[in-house]
């Protein structure tokens, strides 16, 4: 979330056989676009919750929380809800310091919105697949 050393929350959605089959039957660029739309929609649910939970002093931290694609070289798609360097102090709030207790907002947001984010991914992915299939028929 904040750096390579910070623990990441990994979510794997299972039970999507029909959507998986539809993706496999599509050309890779279309399938990738559909996956990206679905995954971004789910990550945005967590982002919005993290913004709502972020401590407010100057609003800079709240405004800086973003969803970002963090795809790997091996082709895996990943999205992260993160706080960029300009609001580096979010790391101190999330994990605490020697002189300050933790006031987490990212992990609780992910835990609170997990089920809703999964549902959003499913709906957005199904809609994106339908749109890509319509697009391919033209």
Protein backbone atom coordinates (compact mmCIF):
# COMPACT_ATOMS: atom_id res chain seq x y z
CA UNK A 1 0.00 0.00 0.00
CA UNK A 2 2.66 2.52 1.00
CA UNK A 3 5.87 0.80 0.00
CA UNK A 4 7.26 -2.56 -0.98
CA UNK A 5 7.69 -3.47 2.67
CA UNK A 6 4.11 -2.67 3.71
CA UNK A 7 1.79 -5.68 3.90
CA UNK A 8 -0.75 -5.88 1.10
CA UNK A 9 -4.27 -7.22 1.26
CA UNK A 10 -4.80 -9.73 -1.53
CA UNK A 11 -8.31 -10.58 -2.65
CA UNK A 12 -9.08 -13.51 -4.91
CA UNK A 13 -12.66 -13.86 -6.10
CA UNK A 14 -13.85 -17.40 -6.62
CA UNK A 15 -17.11 -18.77 -7.94
CA UNK A 16 -17.14 -16.78 -11.13
CA UNK A 17 -17.24 -19.71 -13.55
CA UNK A 18 -19.56 -18.12 -16.13
CA UNK A 19 -17.66 -14.85 -16.14
CA UNK A 20 -14.36 -16.71 -16.32
CA UNK A 21 -15.58 -18.75 -19.27
CA UNK A 22 -16.82 -15.63 -21.05
CA UNK A 23 -13.43 -13.98 -20.54
CA UNK A 24 -11.62 -17.03 -21.92
CA UNK A 25 -13.77 -16.90 -25.05
CA UNK A 26 -12.87 -13.26 -25.69
CA UNK A 27 -9.82 -11.84 -27.39
CA UNK A 28 -7.18 -10.90 -24.83
CA UNK A 29 -7.36 -7.09 -25.31
CA UNK A 30 -11.14 -7.14 -24.78
CA UNK A 31 -10.86 -9.48 -21.79
CA UNK A 32 -8.18 -7.28 -20.25
CA UNK A 33 -10.32 -4.14 -20.66
CA UNK A 34 -13.26 -5.90 -19.00
CA UNK A 35 -11.10 -7.15 -16.12
CA UNK A 36 -9.62 -3.72 -15.58
CA UNK A 37 -13.05 -2.09 -15.42
CA UNK A 38 -14.37 -4.66 -12.97
CA UNK A 39 -11.36 -4.60 -10.71
CA UNK A 40 -11.12 -0.81 -10.69
CA UNK A 41 -14.79 -0.55 -9.69
CA UNK A 42 -14.21 -2.86 -6.71
CA UNK A 43 -11.04 -1.04 -5.66
CA UNK A 44 -12.89 2.27 -5.85
CA UNK A 45 -15.34 0.98 -3.22
CA UNK A 46 -12.43 0.47 -0.82
CA UNK A 47 -10.87 3.82 -1.83
CA UNK A 48 -14.07 5.69 -1.01
CA UNK A 49 -14.33 3.98 2.38
CA UNK A 50 -10.67 4.74 3.15
CA UNK A 51 -11.28 8.40 2.31
CA UNK A 52 -14.25 8.43 4.67
CA UNK A 53 -12.17 6.88 7.47
CA UNK A 54 -8.99 8.93 6.99
CA UNK A 55 -8.19 11.32 9.81
CA UNK A 56 -8.86 14.91 8.75
CA UNK A 57 -6.57 17.74 9.65
CA UNK A 58 -5.86 19.49 6.37
CA UNK A 59 -7.82 17.16 4.03
CA UNK A 60 -4.63 16.49 2.06
CA UNK A 61 -4.50 12.84 3.13
CA UNK A 62 -8.17 12.27 2.35
CA UNK A 63 -7.84 13.81 -1.14
CA UNK A 64 -4.65 11.93 -1.95
CA UNK A 65 -5.99 8.38 -1.40
CA UNK A 66 -6.25 6.84 -4.85
CA UNK A 67 -6.84 3.66 -6.79
CA UNK A 68 -3.90 2.69 -8.98
CA UNK A 69 -3.25 -0.15 -11.35
CA UNK A 70 -0.17 -2.09 -10.25
CA UNK A 71 0.00 -4.75 -12.94
CA UNK A 72 2.88 -7.19 -12.98
CA UNK A 73 5.24 -8.05 -15.83
CA UNK A 74 3.85 -11.60 -15.87
CA UNK A 75 0.45 -10.29 -16.96
CA UNK A 76 -1.35 -10.35 -13.61
CA UNK A 77 -3.69 -7.41 -13.09
CA UNK A 78 -3.56 -5.76 -9.69
CA UNK A 79 -5.12 -2.64 -8.29
CA UNK A 80 -4.03 -0.93 -5.11
CA UNK A 81 -5.65 1.63 -2.89
CA UNK A 82 -2.74 3.74 -1.80
CA UNK A 83 -1.49 6.99 -0.37
CA UNK A 84 1.19 8.60 -2.57
CA UNK A 85 4.44 10.06 -1.30
CA UNK A 86 3.06 13.59 -1.08
CA UNK A 87 1.02 12.41 1.91
CA UNK A 88 3.74 10.15 3.35
CA UNK A 89 2.51 10.74 6.89
CA UNK A 90 -0.43 8.42 6.10
CA UNK A 91 2.04 5.59 6.76
CA UNK A 92 2.62 6.90 10.27
CA UNK A 93 -1.11 7.14 10.92
CA UNK A 94 -1.82 3.67 9.54
CA UNK A 95 0.94 1.83 11.43
CA UNK A 96 1.87 4.20 14.24
CA UNK A 97 5.32 5.25 15.38
CA UNK A 98 7.37 4.89 18.52
CA UNK A 99 5.75 8.07 19.82
CA UNK A 100 2.27 7.70 18.36
CA UNK A 101 -0.24 4.85 18.38
CA UNK A 102 -1.61 3.59 15.09
CA UNK A 103 -4.83 5.12 13.74
CA UNK A 104 -5.47 2.73 10.85
CA UNK A 105 -7.86 3.68 8.09
CA UNK A 106 -6.79 1.66 5.01
CA UNK A 107 -6.98 -1.88 6.36
CA UNK A 108 -10.26 -1.29 8.23
CA UNK A 109 -11.71 0.18 5.03
CA UNK A 110 -10.70 -2.92 3.07
CA UNK A 111 -12.16 -5.21 5.72
CA UNK A 112 -15.40 -3.24 5.96
CA UNK A 113 -15.99 -3.07 2.20
CA UNK A 114 -14.74 -6.53 1.22
CA UNK A 115 -18.13 -8.11 0.47
CA UNK A 116 -19.50 -5.00 -1.22
CA UNK A 117 -16.33 -4.67 -3.34
CA UNK A 118 -16.59 -8.30 -4.46
CA UNK A 119 -20.20 -7.74 -5.52
CA UNK A 120 -19.20 -4.57 -7.35
CA UNK A 121 -16.42 -6.43 -9.18
CA UNK A 122 -18.87 -9.12 -10.25
CA UNK A 123 -21.47 -6.65 -11.52
CA UNK A 124 -18.98 -4.36 -13.24
CA UNK A 125 -17.17 -7.32 -14.79
CA UNK A 126 -20.40 -8.83 -16.12
CA UNK A 127 -21.42 -5.46 -17.57
CA UNK A 128 -17.98 -4.91 -19.12
CA UNK A 129 -18.04 -8.40 -20.68
CA UNK A 130 -21.47 -7.70 -22.19
CA UNK A 131 -20.26 -4.39 -23.60
CA UNK A 132 -17.10 -5.96 -25.04
CA UNK A 133 -19.12 -8.75 -26.66
CA UNK A 134 -21.51 -6.19 -28.20
CA UNK A 135 -18.53 -4.21 -29.39
CA UNK A 136 -16.99 -7.31 -31.01
CA UNK A 137 -20.22 -8.12 -32.89
CA UNK A 138 -20.20 -4.77 -34.71
